[in-house]
Amino acid sequence: MKTKNPYIFKVNGKLVRIRFSENSNLTAEDCLTNVLKNLYR
């Protein structure tokens, strides 16, 4: 049995890739805000 990658998936036909960075000063809230802004432009 193969396990799918939990960090890359599709939502409503859009590819979602989750990445983590050690060098970022952004909060989780900042990141989610950016995602929503990009989805609903």
C-alpha atoms as a PDB file:
ATOM      1  CA  MET A   1       0.000   0.000   0.000  1.00  0.00           C
ATOM      2  CA  LYS A   2       1.377   3.422  -0.998  1.00  0.00           C
ATOM      3  CA  THR A   3       0.995   6.437   1.235  1.00  0.00           C
ATOM      4  CA  LYS A   4       0.139   9.722  -0.469  1.00  0.00           C
ATOM      5  CA  ASN A   5       2.172  12.805   0.334  1.00  0.00           C
ATOM      6  CA  PRO A   6       0.283  14.699   3.108  1.00  0.00           C
ATOM      7  CA  TYR A   7       2.074  17.940   2.173  1.00  0.00           C
ATOM      8  CA  ILE A   8       0.797  18.111  -1.427  1.00  0.00           C
ATOM      9  CA  PHE A   9      -2.890  17.730  -2.218  1.00  0.00           C
ATOM     10  CA  LYS A  10      -5.704  19.280  -4.236  1.00  0.00           C
ATOM     11  CA  VAL A  11      -8.627  21.325  -2.935  1.00  0.00           C
ATOM     12  CA  ASN A  12     -11.370  22.174  -5.434  1.00  0.00           C
ATOM     13  CA  GLY A  13      -8.951  21.478  -8.278  1.00  0.00           C
ATOM     14  CA  LYS A  14      -6.201  23.743  -6.872  1.00  0.00           C
ATOM     15  CA  LEU A  15      -2.854  22.279  -5.900  1.00  0.00           C
ATOM     16  CA  VAL A  16      -1.918  22.965  -2.255  1.00  0.00           C
ATOM     17  CA  ARG A  17       1.664  22.484  -1.110  1.00  0.00           C
ATOM     18  CA  ILE A  18       2.595  22.843   2.561  1.00  0.00           C
ATOM     19  CA  ARG A  19       6.158  23.863   3.333  1.00  0.00           C
ATOM     20  CA  PHE A  20       7.909  24.942   6.509  1.00  0.00           C
ATOM     21  CA  SER A  21      10.743  27.418   6.802  1.00  0.00           C
ATOM     22  CA  GLU A  22      13.083  27.940   9.719  1.00  0.00           C
ATOM     23  CA  ASN A  23      14.070  31.403   8.457  1.00  0.00           C
ATOM     24  CA  SER A  24      10.639  33.037   8.396  1.00  0.00           C
ATOM     25  CA  ASN A  25       9.407  35.645  10.844  1.00  0.00           C
ATOM     26  CA  LEU A  26       5.787  35.084   9.774  1.00  0.00           C
ATOM     27  CA  THR A  27       3.231  33.737  12.218  1.00  0.00           C
ATOM     28  CA  ALA A  28       0.805  30.926  11.364  1.00  0.00           C
ATOM     29  CA  GLU A  29      -1.931  33.583  11.149  1.00  0.00           C
ATOM     30  CA  ASP A  30       0.134  35.571   8.618  1.00  0.00           C
ATOM     31  CA  CYS A  31       0.600  32.455   6.492  1.00  0.00           C
ATOM     32  CA  LEU A  32      -3.093  31.549   6.526  1.00  0.00           C
ATOM     33  CA  THR A  33      -4.036  35.137   5.675  1.00  0.00           C
ATOM     34  CA  ASN A  34      -1.700  35.016   2.667  1.00  0.00           C
ATOM     35  CA  VAL A  35      -3.196  31.724   1.504  1.00  0.00           C
ATOM     36  CA  LEU A  36      -6.737  33.082   1.690  1.00  0.00           C
ATOM     37  CA  LYS A  37      -5.776  36.300  -0.104  1.00  0.00           C
ATOM     38  CA  ASN A  38      -4.238  34.270  -2.941  1.00  0.00           C
ATOM     39  CA  LEU A  39      -7.249  31.967  -3.210  1.00  0.00           C
ATOM     40  CA  TYR A  40      -9.816  34.774  -3.355  1.00  0.00           C
ATOM     41  CA  ARG A  41      -8.140  37.448  -5.501  1.00  0.00           C
END
